[in-house]
Amino acid sequence: MNHLMIDIETLGTTPGSIILSIGALRFDPVTGATGEDFYRQINPSLSEIYGFTASVDTMLWWMDQAPSAQAEAFGGQVDDPKHNPLIALRDFRDFVLCGLSASVWSHGCMDIVLIEAACRKHHGVDIPWGFRQVRDTRTVYDLADIDMRSFALPTDLHHHPVSDCRVQVRALHAAYKKLGLAA
């Protein structure tokens, strides 16, 4: 499984926004099989120290989300080194480089753009993929007339990056099937 689905939760939609959590899932779009995942919460206070910013509109949006989603998104601890944005990005880069040889996917381009901007902001954290490897699920869903939301299961956690990756992979596999790219 050399494809990777990525999802992040953030405090904004523009480069330089605080990333609250990163999730990734190795998968095969043809078979729909999934493999190893990566998940890391990031402390927003530490991100502010590094110069990342929050959007008022996104903060207001988070206030309207379920308390469980809020607790998970804002769960990065100040005193846990793994929740430091620089360490989280390095660990994510290492995870990506341990198995990526095909494509990196996200639901739209925002997640990829924000991760790449965060890597650039932290000198020494190389972007772990080439620009030719980036893929957008929204385009494939549109071509196949797939509604991603219909692939969410009752056990999926809303606004949890790894759970969102699982939904996106199920929908992408269905799109591949519908487009004749998978059996």
Protein backbone atom coordinates (compact mmCIF):
# COMPACT_ATOMS: atom_id res chain seq x y z
CA MET A 1 0.00 0.00 0.00
CA ASN A 2 1.92 2.96 -1.25
CA HIS A 3 -0.83 5.59 -1.43
CA LEU A 4 -1.41 7.91 1.51
CA MET A 5 -4.60 9.72 2.53
CA ILE A 6 -4.05 12.83 4.66
CA ASP A 7 -6.47 14.83 6.76
CA ILE A 8 -5.85 17.66 9.20
CA GLU A 9 -7.87 19.73 11.63
CA THR A 10 -6.92 23.39 11.80
CA LEU A 11 -7.68 26.83 13.16
CA GLY A 12 -7.78 28.43 9.72
CA THR A 13 -7.86 27.77 6.00
CA THR A 14 -4.84 29.74 4.81
CA PRO A 15 -1.13 28.88 4.82
CA GLY A 16 0.32 29.62 8.24
CA SER A 17 -2.83 28.54 10.08
CA ILE A 18 -2.49 26.49 13.25
CA ILE A 19 -2.74 22.76 12.62
CA LEU A 20 -4.50 21.05 15.53
CA SER A 21 -4.00 17.47 14.39
CA ILE A 22 -2.61 15.44 11.51
CA GLY A 23 -3.91 12.09 10.39
CA ALA A 24 -2.71 9.84 7.58
CA LEU A 25 -3.61 6.38 6.37
CA ARG A 26 -1.77 4.09 3.94
CA PHE A 27 -4.12 2.48 1.42
CA ASP A 28 -4.64 0.94 -2.00
CA PRO A 29 -7.32 2.78 -4.05
CA VAL A 30 -7.88 -0.23 -6.31
CA THR A 31 -8.64 -2.77 -3.57
CA GLY A 32 -9.75 -0.34 -0.84
CA ALA A 33 -7.39 -2.06 1.61
CA THR A 34 -5.95 0.11 4.37
CA GLY A 35 -2.76 -0.21 6.33
CA GLU A 36 -0.73 1.69 8.89
CA ASP A 37 -1.99 5.03 10.15
CA PHE A 38 -0.43 8.11 11.71
CA TYR A 39 -2.12 10.44 14.19
CA ARG A 40 -0.74 13.35 16.12
CA GLN A 41 -2.37 16.13 18.09
CA ILE A 42 -0.58 19.49 18.12
CA ASN A 43 -0.82 22.03 20.90
CA PRO A 44 -2.20 25.34 19.53
CA SER A 45 -0.39 27.46 22.16
CA LEU A 46 2.96 26.05 21.05
CA SER A 47 2.00 26.68 17.43
CA GLU A 48 1.38 30.35 18.23
CA ILE A 49 4.91 30.58 19.63
CA TYR A 50 6.17 29.38 16.24
CA GLY A 51 4.16 32.10 14.50
CA PHE A 52 1.13 30.12 13.32
CA THR A 53 -2.20 31.92 13.47
CA ALA A 54 -5.89 31.26 14.09
CA SER A 55 -8.89 32.57 12.19
CA VAL A 56 -11.81 33.99 14.15
CA ASP A 57 -14.25 32.39 11.68
CA THR A 58 -12.69 28.97 12.20
CA MET A 59 -12.68 29.39 15.98
CA LEU A 60 -16.39 30.20 15.82
CA TRP A 61 -16.95 27.17 13.60
CA TRP A 62 -15.21 24.93 16.18
CA MET A 63 -17.52 26.32 18.89
CA ASP A 64 -20.46 24.86 16.93
CA GLN A 65 -18.94 21.37 16.74
CA ALA A 66 -19.69 18.49 19.09
CA PRO A 67 -17.91 18.65 22.45
CA SER A 68 -16.20 15.33 21.71
CA ALA A 69 -14.79 16.71 18.45
CA GLN A 70 -13.61 19.84 20.25
CA ALA A 71 -11.95 17.83 23.02
CA GLU A 72 -10.10 15.69 20.48
CA ALA A 73 -9.07 18.60 18.25
CA PHE A 74 -7.78 20.70 21.13
CA GLY A 75 -6.22 17.79 23.05
CA GLY A 76 -2.56 18.55 22.32
CA GLN A 77 -0.73 18.99 25.63
CA VAL A 78 1.87 21.72 26.18
CA ASP A 79 4.09 19.44 28.27
CA ASP A 80 4.07 16.51 25.81
CA PRO A 81 7.00 16.89 23.38
CA LYS A 82 5.11 14.87 20.73
CA HIS A 83 2.48 17.66 20.62
CA ASN A 84 5.07 20.28 19.66
CA PRO A 85 4.38 21.33 16.05
CA LEU A 86 8.00 20.93 14.94
CA ILE A 87 8.32 17.43 16.39
CA ALA A 88 4.90 16.43 15.03
CA LEU A 89 5.86 17.59 11.53
CA ARG A 90 9.18 15.73 11.67
CA ASP A 91 7.44 12.56 12.84
CA PHE A 92 4.83 12.95 10.10
CA ARG A 93 7.56 13.46 7.47
CA ASP A 94 9.32 10.31 8.68
CA PHE A 95 6.06 8.34 8.54
CA VAL A 96 5.39 9.50 4.98
CA LEU A 97 8.91 8.73 3.79
CA CYS A 98 8.79 5.19 5.23
CA GLY A 99 6.35 4.00 2.61
CA LEU A 100 5.22 6.55 0.03
CA SER A 101 6.11 5.82 -3.55
CA ALA A 102 2.85 6.57 -5.36
CA SER A 103 0.42 9.34 -4.45
CA VAL A 104 -0.55 11.49 -1.50
CA TRP A 105 -4.25 12.30 -1.37
CA SER A 106 -6.38 14.80 0.51
CA HIS A 107 -9.96 15.98 0.34
CA GLY A 108 -9.30 19.17 -1.59
CA CYS A 109 -5.97 20.94 -1.69
CA MET A 110 -6.14 22.84 1.61
CA ASP A 111 -4.66 20.08 3.78
CA ILE A 112 -1.65 19.61 1.51
CA VAL A 113 -1.10 23.37 1.17
CA LEU A 114 -1.22 23.93 4.94
CA ILE A 115 1.14 21.04 5.69
CA GLU A 116 3.58 22.23 3.03
CA ALA A 117 3.45 25.78 4.45
CA ALA A 118 4.10 24.45 7.95
CA CYS A 119 7.10 22.45 6.68
CA ARG A 120 8.50 25.55 4.96
CA LYS A 121 8.02 27.59 8.13
CA HIS A 122 10.04 25.03 10.08
CA HIS A 123 13.42 25.03 8.39
CA GLY A 124 14.78 21.51 8.30
CA VAL A 125 11.41 19.82 7.75
CA ASP A 126 11.42 18.83 4.11
CA ILE A 127 8.12 18.37 2.32
CA PRO A 128 7.90 14.56 2.15
CA TRP A 129 6.41 14.26 -1.33
CA GLY A 130 6.94 15.64 -4.80
CA PHE A 131 4.41 17.96 -6.41
CA ARG A 132 3.59 15.31 -9.02
CA GLN A 133 2.42 12.93 -6.26
CA VAL A 134 -0.39 15.16 -4.94
CA ARG A 135 -3.96 14.04 -5.67
CA ASP A 136 -7.37 15.56 -4.83
CA THR A 137 -10.28 13.30 -3.87
CA ARG A 138 -12.90 15.95 -4.62
CA THR A 139 -12.11 15.81 -8.33
CA VAL A 140 -12.42 12.02 -8.44
CA TYR A 141 -15.62 12.07 -6.39
CA ASP A 142 -17.08 14.63 -8.79
CA LEU A 143 -16.13 12.60 -11.87
CA ALA A 144 -17.74 9.49 -10.37
CA ASP A 145 -20.74 11.33 -8.89
CA ILE A 146 -19.86 10.11 -5.38
CA ASP A 147 -21.10 11.75 -2.17
CA MET A 148 -18.33 11.12 0.35
CA ARG A 149 -20.68 11.63 3.30
CA SER A 150 -22.59 8.50 2.36
CA PHE A 151 -19.47 6.44 3.17
CA ALA A 152 -19.30 7.48 6.82
CA LEU A 153 -20.10 4.70 9.25
CA PRO A 154 -21.77 5.19 12.65
CA THR A 155 -18.44 4.24 14.27
CA ASP A 156 -16.51 6.98 12.42
CA LEU A 157 -15.53 9.95 14.56
CA HIS A 158 -16.48 13.25 12.95
CA HIS A 159 -13.52 15.66 12.60
CA HIS A 160 -10.93 13.10 13.68
CA PRO A 161 -8.22 13.02 10.99
CA VAL A 162 -7.65 9.25 10.82
CA SER A 163 -11.37 8.53 10.91
CA ASP A 164 -11.92 11.12 8.15
CA CYS A 165 -9.13 9.44 6.14
CA ARG A 166 -10.98 6.11 6.41
CA VAL A 167 -14.19 7.67 5.06
CA GLN A 168 -12.27 9.34 2.22
CA VAL A 169 -10.55 6.05 1.29
CA ARG A 170 -13.88 4.17 1.21
CA ALA A 171 -15.36 6.86 -1.03
CA LEU A 172 -12.28 6.95 -3.28
CA HIS A 173 -12.35 3.18 -3.71
CA ALA A 174 -16.05 3.38 -4.64
CA ALA A 175 -15.21 6.10 -7.16
CA TYR A 176 -12.44 3.95 -8.64
CA LYS A 177 -14.94 1.10 -9.00
CA LYS A 178 -17.56 3.32 -10.59
CA LEU A 179 -14.99 4.71 -13.03
CA GLY A 180 -13.87 1.20 -13.99
CA LEU A 181 -10.46 1.54 -12.33
CA ALA A 182 -11.12 -1.21 -9.75
CA ALA A 183 -13.10 -4.41 -9.64
